[in-house]
């Protein structure tokens, strides 16, 4: 069965960095785009970054220039490098698998992702 397991969250001061990892299993990882989303208390889940099958990234405006998404198909793992963190980045971060095999493009709507990890908490103190 499909499993997505995030790790790497934690508490960091503003301006610091964290690297999230998402280990995938149970499907042909290299065939699917992957996404990172986050959800803060009282807010809806929002798209943060995604990476296509070919390794192209797409980012929310709020994280452009600070976050970098990457993937290692040999390790079935997707990463999210987060630099220059801000208190408003505080949220539970989730990785997710695109529900379709797409030749290109990265979808930003949560409904287009069919499997989700359990989430990892990121807290940025001011």
Foldseek 3Di string as FASTA:
>chain_A
DKAWAKDWADEEAAQAKIKMKIAIDDDQLLQWKKFKWWDDPPDDIWTAKIAGSVGDMDGDPVQPPFWDWGDDSVRNMIMIIGGRDDQVVWTWMKMFTFPDRDPDDDDTDPVRTDDIHPTDTHGYHD
